[in-house]
Amino acid sequence: VKIAKVNVDEEEALAAQFGIMSIPTLMVFEGGKVLNTAIGARSKDE
């Protein structure tokens, strides 16, 4: 698994592209597609 981070203050265009309104927003991508999204802090198990 690759873990990646986008700083919304530095990358406003990427945040806008995905409609990020609240942070943290966590998205799982596979094959270039979004599989799953969660808004707000999540535990490691989640």
ModelCIF file with pLDDT and N, C-alpha, C, O atoms, coordinates in Angstrom:
data_MODEL
#
_entry.id   MODEL 
#
_entity.id                         1 
_entity.type                       polymer 
_entity.pdbx_number_of_molecules   1 
#
_entity_poly.entity_id                      1 
_entity_poly.type                           'polypeptide(L)' 
_entity_poly.nstd_linkage                   no 
_entity_poly.nstd_monomer                   no 
_entity_poly.pdbx_seq_one_letter_code       VKIAKVNVDEEEALAAQFGIMSIPTLMVFEGGKVLNTAIGARSKDE 
_entity_poly.pdbx_seq_one_letter_code_can   VKIAKVNVDEEEALAAQFGIMSIPTLMVFEGGKVLNTAIGARSKDE 
_entity_poly.pdbx_strand_id                 A 
#
loop_
_entity_poly_seq.entity_id 
_entity_poly_seq.num 
_entity_poly_seq.mon_id 
_entity_poly_seq.hetero 
1 1  VAL n 
1 2  LYS n 
1 3  ILE n 
1 4  ALA n 
1 5  LYS n 
1 6  VAL n 
1 7  ASN n 
1 8  VAL n 
1 9  ASP n 
1 10 GLU n 
1 11 GLU n 
1 12 GLU n 
1 13 ALA n 
1 14 LEU n 
1 15 ALA n 
1 16 ALA n 
1 17 GLN n 
1 18 PHE n 
1 19 GLY n 
1 20 ILE n 
1 21 MET n 
1 22 SER n 
1 23 ILE n 
1 24 PRO n 
1 25 THR n 
1 26 LEU n 
1 27 MET n 
1 28 VAL n 
1 29 PHE n 
1 30 GLU n 
1 31 GLY n 
1 32 GLY n 
1 33 LYS n 
1 34 VAL n 
1 35 LEU n 
1 36 ASN n 
1 37 THR n 
1 38 ALA n 
1 39 ILE n 
1 40 GLY n 
1 41 ALA n 
1 42 ARG n 
1 43 SER n 
1 44 LYS n 
1 45 ASP n 
1 46 GLU n 
#
_struct_asym.id          A 
_struct_asym.entity_id   1 
#
loop_
_ma_qa_metric.id 
_ma_qa_metric.mode 
_ma_qa_metric.name 
_ma_qa_metric.software_group_id 
_ma_qa_metric.type 
1 global pLDDT . pLDDT 
2 local  pLDDT . pLDDT 
#
_ma_qa_metric_global.metric_id      1 
_ma_qa_metric_global.metric_value   97.04 
_ma_qa_metric_global.model_id       1 
_ma_qa_metric_global.ordinal_id     1 
#
loop_
_ma_qa_metric_local.label_asym_id 
_ma_qa_metric_local.label_comp_id 
_ma_qa_metric_local.label_seq_id 
_ma_qa_metric_local.metric_id 
_ma_qa_metric_local.metric_value 
_ma_qa_metric_local.model_id 
_ma_qa_metric_local.ordinal_id 
A VAL 1  2 97.00 1 1  
A LYS 2  2 97.00 1 2  
A ILE 3  2 98.00 1 3  
A ALA 4  2 98.00 1 4  
A LYS 5  2 98.00 1 5  
A VAL 6  2 98.00 1 6  
A ASN 7  2 98.00 1 7  
A VAL 8  2 98.00 1 8  
A ASP 9  2 97.00 1 9  
A GLU 10 2 97.00 1 10 
A GLU 11 2 97.00 1 11 
A GLU 12 2 97.00 1 12 
A ALA 13 2 97.00 1 13 
A LEU 14 2 96.00 1 14 
A ALA 15 2 97.00 1 15 
A ALA 16 2 97.00 1 16 
A GLN 17 2 96.00 1 17 
A PHE 18 2 96.00 1 18 
A GLY 19 2 96.00 1 19 
A ILE 20 2 97.00 1 20 
A MET 21 2 96.00 1 21 
A SER 22 2 97.00 1 22 
A ILE 23 2 98.00 1 23 
A PRO 24 2 98.00 1 24 
A THR 25 2 98.00 1 25 
A LEU 26 2 98.00 1 26 
A MET 27 2 98.00 1 27 
A VAL 28 2 98.00 1 28 
A PHE 29 2 98.00 1 29 
A GLU 30 2 97.00 1 30 
A GLY 31 2 96.00 1 31 
A GLY 32 2 95.00 1 32 
A LYS 33 2 96.00 1 33 
A VAL 34 2 97.00 1 34 
A LEU 35 2 97.00 1 35 
A ASN 36 2 95.00 1 36 
A THR 37 2 97.00 1 37 
A ALA 38 2 97.00 1 38 
A ILE 39 2 97.00 1 39 
A GLY 40 2 97.00 1 40 
A ALA 41 2 97.00 1 41 
A ARG 42 2 97.00 1 42 
A SER 43 2 97.00 1 43 
A LYS 44 2 97.00 1 44 
A ASP 45 2 97.00 1 45 
A GLU 46 2 97.00 1 46 
#
loop_
_atom_site.group_PDB 
_atom_site.id 
_atom_site.type_symbol 
_atom_site.label_atom_id 
_atom_site.label_alt_id 
_atom_site.label_comp_id 
_atom_site.label_asym_id 
_atom_site.label_entity_id 
_atom_site.label_seq_id 
_atom_site.pdbx_PDB_ins_code 
_atom_site.Cartn_x 
_atom_site.Cartn_y 
_atom_site.Cartn_z 
_atom_site.occupancy 
_atom_site.B_iso_or_equiv 
_atom_site.pdbx_formal_charge 
_atom_site.auth_seq_id 
_atom_site.auth_comp_id 
_atom_site.auth_asym_id 
_atom_site.auth_atom_id 
_atom_site.pdbx_PDB_model_num 
ATOM 1   N N  . VAL A 1 1  ? 0.858   -1.193 0.000   1.00 97.00 ? 1  VAL A N  1 
ATOM 2   C CA . VAL A 1 1  ? 0.000   0.000  0.000   1.00 97.00 ? 1  VAL A CA 1 
ATOM 3   C C  . VAL A 1 1  ? 0.890   1.237  0.000   1.00 97.00 ? 1  VAL A C  1 
ATOM 4   O O  . VAL A 1 1  ? 1.929   1.261  0.659   1.00 97.00 ? 1  VAL A O  1 
ATOM 5   N N  . LYS A 1 2  ? 0.479   2.262  -0.741  1.00 97.00 ? 2  LYS A N  1 
ATOM 6   C CA . LYS A 1 2  ? 1.195   3.538  -0.721  1.00 97.00 ? 2  LYS A CA 1 
ATOM 7   C C  . LYS A 1 2  ? 0.379   4.519  0.113   1.00 97.00 ? 2  LYS A C  1 
ATOM 8   O O  . LYS A 1 2  ? -0.816  4.704  -0.122  1.00 97.00 ? 2  LYS A O  1 
ATOM 9   N N  . ILE A 1 3  ? 1.027   5.138  1.076   1.00 98.00 ? 3  ILE A N  1 
ATOM 10  C CA . ILE A 1 3  ? 0.396   6.176  1.891   1.00 98.00 ? 3  ILE A CA 1 
ATOM 11  C C  . ILE A 1 3  ? 0.910   7.519  1.379   1.00 98.00 ? 3  ILE A C  1 
ATOM 12  O O  . ILE A 1 3  ? 2.117   7.740  1.290   1.00 98.00 ? 3  ILE A O  1 
ATOM 13  N N  . ALA A 1 4  ? -0.024  8.413  1.044   1.00 98.00 ? 4  ALA A N  1 
ATOM 14  C CA . ALA A 1 4  ? 0.343   9.697  0.461   1.00 98.00 ? 4  ALA A CA 1 
ATOM 15  C C  . ALA A 1 4  ? -0.457  10.816 1.124   1.00 98.00 ? 4  ALA A C  1 
ATOM 16  O O  . ALA A 1 4  ? -1.557  10.600 1.631   1.00 98.00 ? 4  ALA A O  1 
ATOM 17  N N  . LYS A 1 5  ? 0.126   12.023 1.107   1.00 98.00 ? 5  LYS A N  1 
ATOM 18  C CA . LYS A 1 5  ? -0.498  13.171 1.762   1.00 98.00 ? 5  LYS A CA 1 
ATOM 19  C C  . LYS A 1 5  ? -0.490  14.373 0.833   1.00 98.00 ? 5  LYS A C  1 
ATOM 20  O O  . LYS A 1 5  ? 0.482   14.625 0.120   1.00 98.00 ? 5  LYS A O  1 
ATOM 21  N N  . VAL A 1 6  ? -1.602  15.114 0.857   1.00 98.00 ? 6  VAL A N  1 
ATOM 22  C CA . VAL A 1 6  ? -1.719  16.373 0.117   1.00 98.00 ? 6  VAL A CA 1 
ATOM 23  C C  . VAL A 1 6  ? -1.971  17.483 1.137   1.00 98.00 ? 6  VAL A C  1 
ATOM 24  O O  . VAL A 1 6  ? -2.979  17.460 1.844   1.00 98.00 ? 6  VAL A O  1 
ATOM 25  N N  . ASN A 1 7  ? -1.071  18.443 1.213   1.00 98.00 ? 7  ASN A N  1 
ATOM 26  C CA . ASN A 1 7  ? -1.258  19.603 2.083   1.00 98.00 ? 7  ASN A CA 1 
ATOM 27  C C  . ASN A 1 7  ? -2.203  20.560 1.347   1.00 98.00 ? 7  ASN A C  1 
ATOM 28  O O  . ASN A 1 7  ? -1.832  21.145 0.329   1.00 98.00 ? 7  ASN A O  1 
ATOM 29  N N  . VAL A 1 8  ? -3.422  20.715 1.868   1.00 98.00 ? 8  VAL A N  1 
ATOM 30  C CA . VAL A 1 8  ? -4.444  21.512 1.169   1.00 98.00 ? 8  VAL A CA 1 
ATOM 31  C C  . VAL A 1 8  ? -4.084  22.994 1.095   1.00 98.00 ? 8  VAL A C  1 
ATOM 32  O O  . VAL A 1 8  ? -4.566  23.698 0.207   1.00 98.00 ? 8  VAL A O  1 
ATOM 33  N N  . ASP A 1 9  ? -3.247  23.478 2.010   1.00 97.00 ? 9  ASP A N  1 
ATOM 34  C CA . ASP A 1 9  ? -2.829  24.878 1.967   1.00 97.00 ? 9  ASP A CA 1 
ATOM 35  C C  . ASP A 1 9  ? -1.837  25.123 0.828   1.00 97.00 ? 9  ASP A C  1 
ATOM 36  O O  . ASP A 1 9  ? -1.798  26.217 0.265   1.00 97.00 ? 9  ASP A O  1 
ATOM 37  N N  . GLU A 1 10 ? -1.047  24.124 0.491   1.00 97.00 ? 10 GLU A N  1 
ATOM 38  C CA . GLU A 1 10 ? -0.046  24.251 -0.570  1.00 97.00 ? 10 GLU A CA 1 
ATOM 39  C C  . GLU A 1 10 ? -0.566  23.789 -1.923  1.00 97.00 ? 10 GLU A C  1 
ATOM 40  O O  . GLU A 1 10 ? -0.071  24.224 -2.962  1.00 97.00 ? 10 GLU A O  1 
ATOM 41  N N  . GLU A 1 11 ? -1.563  22.910 -1.914  1.00 97.00 ? 11 GLU A N  1 
ATOM 42  C CA . GLU A 1 11 ? -2.074  22.315 -3.157  1.00 97.00 ? 11 GLU A CA 1 
ATOM 43  C C  . GLU A 1 11 ? -3.586  22.551 -3.278  1.00 97.00 ? 11 GLU A C  1 
ATOM 44  O O  . GLU A 1 11 ? -4.379  21.610 -3.315  1.00 97.00 ? 11 GLU A O  1 
ATOM 45  N N  . GLU A 1 12 ? -3.955  23.818 -3.339  1.00 97.00 ? 12 GLU A N  1 
ATOM 46  C CA . GLU A 1 12 ? -5.370  24.194 -3.384  1.00 97.00 ? 12 GLU A CA 1 
ATOM 47  C C  . GLU A 1 12 ? -6.080  23.622 -4.611  1.00 97.00 ? 12 GLU A C  1 
ATOM 48  O O  . GLU A 1 12 ? -7.253  23.258 -4.528  1.00 97.00 ? 12 GLU A O  1 
ATOM 49  N N  . ALA A 1 13 ? -5.388  23.539 -5.743  1.00 97.00 ? 13 ALA A N  1 
ATOM 50  C CA . ALA A 1 13 ? -6.016  23.023 -6.966  1.00 97.00 ? 13 ALA A CA 1 
ATOM 51  C C  . ALA A 1 13 ? -6.393  21.550 -6.810  1.00 97.00 ? 13 ALA A C  1 
ATOM 52  O O  . ALA A 1 13 ? -7.470  21.141 -7.244  1.00 97.00 ? 13 ALA A O  1 
ATOM 53  N N  . LEU A 1 14 ? -5.523  20.755 -6.200  1.00 96.00 ? 14 LEU A N  1 
ATOM 54  C CA . LEU A 1 14 ? -5.846  19.339 -5.982  1.00 96.00 ? 14 LEU A CA 1 
ATOM 55  C C  . LEU A 1 14 ? -7.011  19.197 -5.016  1.00 96.00 ? 14 LEU A C  1 
ATOM 56  O O  . LEU A 1 14 ? -7.903  18.376 -5.230  1.00 96.00 ? 14 LEU A O  1 
ATOM 57  N N  . ALA A 1 15 ? -7.006  19.991 -3.958  1.00 97.00 ? 15 ALA A N  1 
ATOM 58  C CA . ALA A 1 15 ? -8.113  19.950 -3.003  1.00 97.00 ? 15 ALA A CA 1 
ATOM 59  C C  . ALA A 1 15 ? -9.424  20.315 -3.697  1.00 97.00 ? 15 ALA A C  1 
ATOM 60  O O  . ALA A 1 15 ? -10.450 19.679 -3.459  1.00 97.00 ? 15 ALA A O  1 
ATOM 61  N N  . ALA A 1 16 ? -9.394  21.326 -4.546  1.00 97.00 ? 16 ALA A N  1 
ATOM 62  C CA . ALA A 1 16 ? -10.596 21.739 -5.268  1.00 97.00 ? 16 ALA A CA 1 
ATOM 63  C C  . ALA A 1 16 ? -11.039 20.665 -6.260  1.00 97.00 ? 16 ALA A C  1 
ATOM 64  O O  . ALA A 1 16 ? -12.235 20.424 -6.424  1.00 97.00 ? 16 ALA A O  1 
ATOM 65  N N  . GLN A 1 17 ? -10.087 20.028 -6.915  1.00 96.00 ? 17 GLN A N  1 
ATOM 66  C CA . GLN A 1 17 ? -10.394 18.977 -7.893  1.00 96.00 ? 17 GLN A CA 1 
ATOM 67  C C  . GLN A 1 17 ? -11.226 17.862 -7.265  1.00 96.00 ? 17 GLN A C  1 
ATOM 68  O O  . GLN A 1 17 ? -12.091 17.281 -7.921  1.00 96.00 ? 17 GLN A O  1 
ATOM 69  N N  . PHE A 1 18 ? -10.964 17.564 -5.994  1.00 96.00 ? 18 PHE A N  1 
ATOM 70  C CA . PHE A 1 18 ? -11.679 16.486 -5.311  1.00 96.00 ? 18 PHE A CA 1 
ATOM 71  C C  . PHE A 1 18 ? -12.765 17.001 -4.365  1.00 96.00 ? 18 PHE A C  1 
ATOM 72  O O  . PHE A 1 18 ? -13.337 16.227 -3.597  1.00 96.00 ? 18 PHE A O  1 
ATOM 73  N N  . GLY A 1 19 ? -13.051 18.304 -4.419  1.00 96.00 ? 19 GLY A N  1 
ATOM 74  C CA . GLY A 1 19 ? -14.136 18.866 -3.628  1.00 96.00 ? 19 GLY A CA 1 
ATOM 75  C C  . GLY A 1 19 ? -13.915 18.762 -2.131  1.00 96.00 ? 19 GLY A C  1 
ATOM 76  O O  . GLY A 1 19 ? -14.864 18.558 -1.374  1.00 96.00 ? 19 GLY A O  1 
ATOM 77  N N  . ILE A 1 20 ? -12.668 18.899 -1.697  1.00 97.00 ? 20 ILE A N  1 
ATOM 78  C CA . ILE A 1 20 ? -12.347 18.760 -0.277  1.00 97.00 ? 20 ILE A CA 1 
ATOM 79  C C  . ILE A 1 20 ? -12.892 19.973 0.477   1.00 97.00 ? 20 ILE A C  1 
ATOM 80  O O  . ILE A 1 20 ? -12.471 21.104 0.237   1.00 97.00 ? 20 ILE A O  1 
ATOM 81  N N  . MET A 1 21 ? -13.829 19.726 1.385   1.00 96.00 ? 21 MET A N  1 
ATOM 82  C CA . MET A 1 21 ? -14.441 20.789 2.186   1.00 96.00 ? 21 MET A CA 1 
ATOM 83  C C  . MET A 1 21 ? -14.053 20.684 3.659   1.00 96.00 ? 21 MET A C  1 
ATOM 84  O O  . MET A 1 21 ? -14.092 21.678 4.384   1.00 96.00 ? 21 MET A O  1 
ATOM 85  N N  . SER A 1 22 ? -13.674 19.475 4.106   1.00 97.00 ? 22 SER A N  1 
ATOM 86  C CA . SER A 1 22 ? -13.274 19.233 5.493   1.00 97.00 ? 22 SER A CA 1 
ATOM 87  C C  . SER A 1 22 ? -12.025 18.373 5.481   1.00 97.00 ? 22 SER A C  1 
ATOM 88  O O  . SER A 1 22 ? -11.830 17.534 4.601   1.00 97.00 ? 22 SER A O  1 
ATOM 89  N N  . ILE A 1 23 ? -11.178 18.605 6.485   1.00 98.00 ? 23 ILE A N  1 
ATOM 90  C CA . ILE A 1 23 ? -9.984  17.774 6.610   1.00 98.00 ? 23 ILE A CA 1 
ATOM 91  C C  . ILE A 1 23 ? -9.904  17.218 8.018   1.00 98.00 ? 23 ILE A C  1 
ATOM 92  O O  . ILE A 1 23 ? -10.408 17.847 8.949   1.00 98.00 ? 23 ILE A O  1 
ATOM 93  N N  . PRO A 1 24 ? -9.293  16.068 8.205   1.00 98.00 ? 24 PRO A N  1 
ATOM 94  C CA . PRO A 1 24 ? -8.718  15.258 7.143   1.00 98.00 ? 24 PRO A CA 1 
ATOM 95  C C  . PRO A 1 24 ? -9.799  14.576 6.291   1.00 98.00 ? 24 PRO A C  1 
ATOM 96  O O  . PRO A 1 24 ? -10.832 14.141 6.800   1.00 98.00 ? 24 PRO A O  1 
ATOM 97  N N  . THR A 1 25 ? -9.535  14.497 4.997   1.00 98.00 ? 25 THR A N  1 
ATOM 98  C CA . THR A 1 25 ? -10.317 13.657 4.096   1.00 98.00 ? 25 THR A CA 1 
ATOM 99  C C  . THR A 1 25 ? -9.367  12.588 3.590   1.00 98.00 ? 25 THR A C  1 
ATOM 100 O O  . THR A 1 25 ? -8.289  12.889 3.076   1.00 98.00 ? 25 THR A O  1 
ATOM 101 N N  . LEU A 1 26 ? -9.776  11.342 3.741   1.00 98.00 ? 26 LEU A N  1 
ATOM 102 C CA . LEU A 1 26 ? -8.950  10.195 3.361   1.00 98.00 ? 26 LEU A CA 1 
ATOM 103 C C  . LEU A 1 26 ? -9.620  9.487  2.204   1.00 98.00 ? 26 LEU A C  1 
ATOM 104 O O  . LEU A 1 26 ? -10.807 9.167  2.268   1.00 98.00 ? 26 LEU A O  1 
ATOM 105 N N  . MET A 1 27 ? -8.860  9.238  1.138   1.00 98.00 ? 27 MET A N  1 
ATOM 106 C CA . MET A 1 27 ? -9.404  8.580  -0.052  1.00 98.00 ? 27 MET A CA 1 
ATOM 107 C C  . MET A 1 27 ? -8.512  7.407  -0.436  1.00 98.00 ? 27 MET A C  1 
ATOM 108 O O  . MET A 1 27 ? -7.286  7.510  -0.412  1.00 98.00 ? 27 MET A O  1 
ATOM 109 N N  . VAL A 1 28 ? -9.144  6.292  -0.791  1.00 98.00 ? 28 VAL A N  1 
ATOM 110 C CA . VAL A 1 28 ? -8.403  5.136  -1.285  1.00 98.00 ? 28 VAL A CA 1 
ATOM 111 C C  . VAL A 1 28 ? -8.556  5.098  -2.803  1.00 98.00 ? 28 VAL A C  1 
ATOM 112 O O  . VAL A 1 28 ? -9.668  5.110  -3.331  1.00 98.00 ? 28 VAL A O  1 
ATOM 113 N N  . PHE A 1 29 ? -7.420  5.054  -3.491  1.00 98.00 ? 29 PHE A N  1 
ATOM 114 C CA . PHE A 1 29 ? -7.385  4.959  -4.951  1.00 98.00 ? 29 PHE A CA 1 
ATOM 115 C C  . PHE A 1 29 ? -6.830  3.599  -5.350  1.00 98.00 ? 29 PHE A C  1 
ATOM 116 O O  . PHE A 1 29 ? -5.917  3.078  -4.709  1.00 98.00 ? 29 PHE A O  1 
ATOM 117 N N  . GLU A 1 30 ? -7.385  3.035  -6.403  1.00 97.00 ? 30 GLU A N  1 
ATOM 118 C CA . GLU A 1 30 ? -6.805  1.853  -7.028  1.00 97.00 ? 30 GLU A CA 1 
ATOM 119 C C  . GLU A 1 30 ? -7.095  1.940  -8.514  1.00 97.00 ? 30 GLU A C  1 
ATOM 120 O O  . GLU A 1 30 ? -8.230  2.187  -8.921  1.00 97.00 ? 30 GLU A O  1 
ATOM 121 N N  . GLY A 1 31 ? -6.067  1.737  -9.319  1.00 96.00 ? 31 GLY A N  1 
ATOM 122 C CA . GLY A 1 31 ? -6.241  1.828  -10.762 1.00 96.00 ? 31 GLY A CA 1 
ATOM 123 C C  . GLY A 1 31 ? -6.728  3.187  -11.219 1.00 96.00 ? 31 GLY A C  1 
ATOM 124 O O  . GLY A 1 31 ? -7.435  3.291  -12.222 1.00 96.00 ? 31 GLY A O  1 
ATOM 125 N N  . GLY A 1 32 ? -6.353  4.240  -10.488 1.00 95.00 ? 32 GLY A N  1 
ATOM 126 C CA . GLY A 1 32 ? -6.731  5.595  -10.868 1.00 95.00 ? 32 GLY A CA 1 
ATOM 127 C C  . GLY A 1 32 ? -8.134  6.010  -10.459 1.00 95.00 ? 32 GLY A C  1 
ATOM 128 O O  . GLY A 1 32 ? -8.569  7.118  -10.772 1.00 95.00 ? 32 GLY A O  1 
ATOM 129 N N  . LYS A 1 33 ? -8.850  5.128  -9.757  1.00 96.00 ? 33 LYS A N  1 
ATOM 130 C CA . LYS A 1 33 ? -10.231 5.421  -9.346  1.00 96.00 ? 33 LYS A CA 1 
ATOM 131 C C  . LYS A 1 33 ? -10.346 5.462  -7.827  1.00 96.00 ? 33 LYS A C  1 
ATOM 132 O O  . LYS A 1 33 ? -9.624  4.765  -7.114  1.00 96.00 ? 33 LYS A O  1 
ATOM 133 N N  . VAL A 1 34 ? -11.273 6.299  -7.346  1.00 97.00 ? 34 VAL A N  1 
ATOM 134 C CA . VAL A 1 34 ? -11.529 6.389  -5.908  1.00 97.00 ? 34 VAL A CA 1 
ATOM 135 C C  . VAL A 1 34 ? -12.422 5.217  -5.500  1.00 97.00 ? 34 VAL A C  1 
ATOM 136 O O  . VAL A 1 34 ? -13.524 5.048  -6.022  1.00 97.00 ? 34 VAL A O  1 
ATOM 137 N N  . LEU A 1 35 ? -11.925 4.409  -4.555  1.00 97.00 ? 35 LEU A N  1 
ATOM 138 C CA . LEU A 1 35 ? -12.689 3.265  -4.054  1.00 97.00 ? 35 LEU A CA 1 
ATOM 139 C C  . LEU A 1 35 ? -13.455 3.593  -2.787  1.00 97.00 ? 35 LEU A C  1 
ATOM 140 O O  . LEU A 1 35 ? -14.532 3.047  -2.545  1.00 97.00 ? 35 LEU A O  1 
ATOM 141 N N  . ASN A 1 36 ? -12.901 4.486  -1.980  1.00 95.00 ? 36 ASN A N  1 
ATOM 142 C CA . ASN A 1 36 ? -13.431 4.714  -0.649  1.00 95.00 ? 36 ASN A CA 1 
ATOM 143 C C  . ASN A 1 36 ? -13.041 6.110  -0.193  1.00 95.00 ? 36 ASN A C  1 
ATOM 144 O O  . ASN A 1 36 ? -11.958 6.592  -0.522  1.00 95.00 ? 36 ASN A O  1 
ATOM 145 N N  . THR A 1 37 ? -13.919 6.762  0.564   1.00 97.00 ? 37 THR A N  1 
ATOM 146 C CA . THR A 1 37 ? -13.630 8.089  1.110   1.00 97.00 ? 37 THR A CA 1 
ATOM 147 C C  . THR A 1 37 ? -14.144 8.166  2.541   1.00 97.00 ? 37 THR A C  1 
ATOM 148 O O  . THR A 1 37 ? -15.219 7.654  2.854   1.00 97.00 ? 37 THR A O  1 
ATOM 149 N N  . ALA A 1 38 ? -13.373 8.807  3.401   1.00 97.00 ? 38 ALA A N  1 
ATOM 150 C CA . ALA A 1 38 ? -13.802 9.059  4.772   1.00 97.00 ? 38 ALA A CA 1 
ATOM 151 C C  . ALA A 1 38 ? -13.393 10.482 5.140   1.00 97.00 ? 38 ALA A C  1 
ATOM 152 O O  . ALA A 1 38 ? -12.313 10.944 4.772   1.00 97.00 ? 38 ALA A O  1 
ATOM 153 N N  . ILE A 1 39 ? -14.262 11.162 5.864   1.00 97.00 ? 39 ILE A N  1 
ATOM 154 C CA . ILE A 1 39 ? -13.974 12.522 6.326   1.00 97.00 ? 39 ILE A CA 1 
ATOM 155 C C  . ILE A 1 39 ? -13.856 12.491 7.839   1.00 97.00 ? 39 ILE A C  1 
ATOM 156 O O  . ILE A 1 39 ? -14.719 11.948 8.530   1.00 97.00 ? 39 ILE A O  1 
ATOM 157 N N  . GLY A 1 40 ? -12.789 13.075 8.344   1.00 97.00 ? 40 GLY A N  1 
ATOM 158 C CA . GLY A 1 40 ? -12.546 13.111 9.782   1.00 97.00 ? 40 GLY A CA 1 
ATOM 159 C C  . GLY A 1 40 ? -11.508 12.082 10.195  1.00 97.00 ? 40 GLY A C  1 
ATOM 160 O O  . GLY A 1 40 ? -11.174 11.172 9.436   1.00 97.00 ? 40 GLY A O  1 
ATOM 161 N N  . ALA A 1 41 ? -11.007 12.244 11.410  1.00 97.00 ? 41 ALA A N  1 
ATOM 162 C CA . ALA A 1 41 ? -9.971  11.352 11.927  1.00 97.00 ? 41 ALA A CA 1 
ATOM 163 C C  . ALA A 1 41 ? -10.499 9.930  12.022  1.00 97.00 ? 41 ALA A C  1 
ATOM 164 O O  . ALA A 1 41 ? -11.654 9.710  12.384  1.00 97.00 ? 41 ALA A O  1 
ATOM 165 N N  . ARG A 1 42 ? -9.648  8.969  11.697  1.00 97.00 ? 42 ARG A N  1 
ATOM 166 C CA . ARG A 1 42 ? -9.982  7.550  11.750  1.00 97.00 ? 42 ARG A CA 1 
ATOM 167 C C  . ARG A 1 42 ? -8.875  6.808  12.487  1.00 97.00 ? 42 ARG A C  1 
ATOM 168 O O  . ARG A 1 42 ? -7.712  7.210  12.450  1.00 97.00 ? 42 ARG A O  1 
ATOM 169 N N  . SER A 1 43 ? -9.245  5.725  13.154  1.00 97.00 ? 43 SER A N  1 
ATOM 170 C CA . SER A 1 43 ? -8.255  4.897  13.836  1.00 97.00 ? 43 SER A CA 1 
ATOM 171 C C  . SER A 1 43 ? -7.486  4.068  12.815  1.00 97.00 ? 43 SER A C  1 
ATOM 172 O O  . SER A 1 43 ? -7.885  3.962  11.655  1.00 97.00 ? 43 SER A O  1 
ATOM 173 N N  . LYS A 1 44 ? -6.396  3.493  13.256  1.00 97.00 ? 44 LYS A N  1 
ATOM 174 C CA . LYS A 1 44 ? -5.605  2.634  12.369  1.00 97.00 ? 44 LYS A CA 1 
ATOM 175 C C  . LYS A 1 44 ? -6.464  1.487  11.846  1.00 97.00 ? 44 LYS A C  1 
ATOM 176 O O  . LYS A 1 44 ? -6.406  1.169  10.658  1.00 97.00 ? 44 LYS A O  1 
ATOM 177 N N  . ASP A 1 45 ? -7.256  0.867  12.705  1.00 97.00 ? 45 ASP A N  1 
ATOM 178 C CA . ASP A 1 45 ? -8.126  -0.236 12.274  1.00 97.00 ? 45 ASP A CA 1 
ATOM 179 C C  . ASP A 1 45 ? -9.119  0.216  11.209  1.00 97.00 ? 45 ASP A C  1 
ATOM 180 O O  . ASP A 1 45 ? -9.362  -0.501 10.238  1.00 97.00 ? 45 ASP A O  1 
ATOM 181 N N  . GLU A 1 46 ? -9.690  1.397  11.388  1.00 97.00 ? 46 GLU A N  1 
ATOM 182 C CA . GLU A 1 46 ? -10.634 1.915  10.391  1.00 97.00 ? 46 GLU A CA 1 
ATOM 183 C C  . GLU A 1 46 ? -9.938  2.194  9.058   1.00 97.00 ? 46 GLU A C  1 
ATOM 184 O O  . GLU A 1 46 ? -10.583 2.634  8.106   1.00 97.00 ? 46 GLU A O  1 
#
